[in-house]
Amino acid sequence: MLISKETFDTEISLCQKMFKKKASCAWGKCENCAVPLLLQKLYKGEVIERKEAVAEFKANIFR
C-alpha cells in the first residue's frame, strides 16, 4: 500500500464530484481517464486490466 485509505477516499471523492459536475476534469474526460485505476493500484496494489473489469470499476466509482 503506497497511499492510505484516507488519501484514496479523498482523491476518489474528487473524481466523483467532477464526474457529477461535468464528466471531466483537468486530466480529461472521465470515460477515458485512468486516474481511478491508478489510485486503486496505489491503494490496494490491484491492477485492473480487463475491459469489462475496468468498466465495472468505473461504474462503481461514478455512481
Protein backbone atom coordinates (compact mmCIF):
# COMPACT_ATOMS: atom_id res chain seq x y z
CA MET A 1 0.00 0.00 0.00
CA LEU A 2 1.52 3.27 -1.14
CA ILE A 3 -1.36 5.53 -0.18
CA SER A 4 -3.67 5.43 2.82
CA LYS A 5 -7.39 4.74 2.71
CA GLU A 6 -7.95 8.37 3.68
CA THR A 7 -5.93 9.61 0.69
CA PHE A 8 -7.65 7.13 -1.62
CA ASP A 9 -11.10 8.19 -0.42
CA THR A 10 -10.25 11.89 -0.74
CA GLU A 11 -8.93 11.55 -4.28
CA ILE A 12 -11.77 9.30 -5.43
CA SER A 13 -14.29 11.76 -4.00
CA LEU A 14 -12.70 14.50 -6.13
CA CYS A 15 -13.17 12.28 -9.18
CA GLN A 16 -16.78 11.65 -8.22
CA LYS A 17 -17.51 15.35 -7.74
CA MET A 18 -16.01 16.28 -11.10
CA PHE A 19 -17.88 13.45 -12.82
CA LYS A 20 -21.21 14.61 -11.38
CA LYS A 21 -20.44 18.23 -12.21
CA LYS A 22 -19.32 17.88 -15.83
CA ALA A 23 -17.96 14.36 -16.54
CA SER A 24 -14.45 15.71 -16.93
CA CYS A 25 -11.62 17.42 -15.11
CA ALA A 26 -8.17 18.78 -15.89
CA TRP A 27 -7.00 15.24 -16.71
CA GLY A 28 -9.65 14.74 -19.39
CA LYS A 29 -12.99 13.00 -19.82
CA CYS A 30 -13.96 10.50 -17.12
CA GLU A 31 -14.75 7.74 -19.62
CA ASN A 32 -11.12 7.76 -20.84
CA CYS A 33 -9.42 8.53 -17.53
CA ALA A 34 -7.07 6.13 -15.75
CA VAL A 35 -6.69 8.13 -12.52
CA PRO A 36 -9.19 6.00 -10.56
CA LEU A 37 -7.38 2.88 -11.77
CA LEU A 38 -4.03 4.32 -10.69
CA LEU A 39 -5.44 5.24 -7.29
CA GLN A 40 -6.71 1.65 -6.89
CA LYS A 41 -3.27 0.32 -7.78
CA LEU A 42 -1.55 2.63 -5.29
CA TYR A 43 -4.06 1.87 -2.53
CA LYS A 44 -4.67 -1.87 -2.88
CA GLY A 45 -1.86 -2.94 -5.21
CA GLU A 46 -4.55 -4.21 -7.57
CA VAL A 47 -4.13 -3.75 -11.30
CA ILE A 48 -7.40 -3.75 -13.23
CA GLU A 49 -6.78 -4.51 -16.89
CA ARG A 50 -9.68 -6.41 -18.44
CA LYS A 51 -12.00 -4.08 -20.32
CA GLU A 52 -15.07 -5.43 -18.52
CA ALA A 53 -13.41 -5.10 -15.11
CA VAL A 54 -12.37 -1.51 -15.88
CA ALA A 55 -15.92 -0.62 -16.93
CA GLU A 56 -17.37 -2.22 -13.79
CA PHE A 57 -14.86 -0.49 -11.51
CA LYS A 58 -15.54 2.91 -13.06
CA ALA A 59 -19.31 2.34 -12.90
CA ASN A 60 -18.99 1.65 -9.17
CA ILE A 61 -16.83 4.74 -8.62
CA PHE A 62 -19.03 7.11 -10.62
CA ARG A 63 -22.44 6.07 -9.19
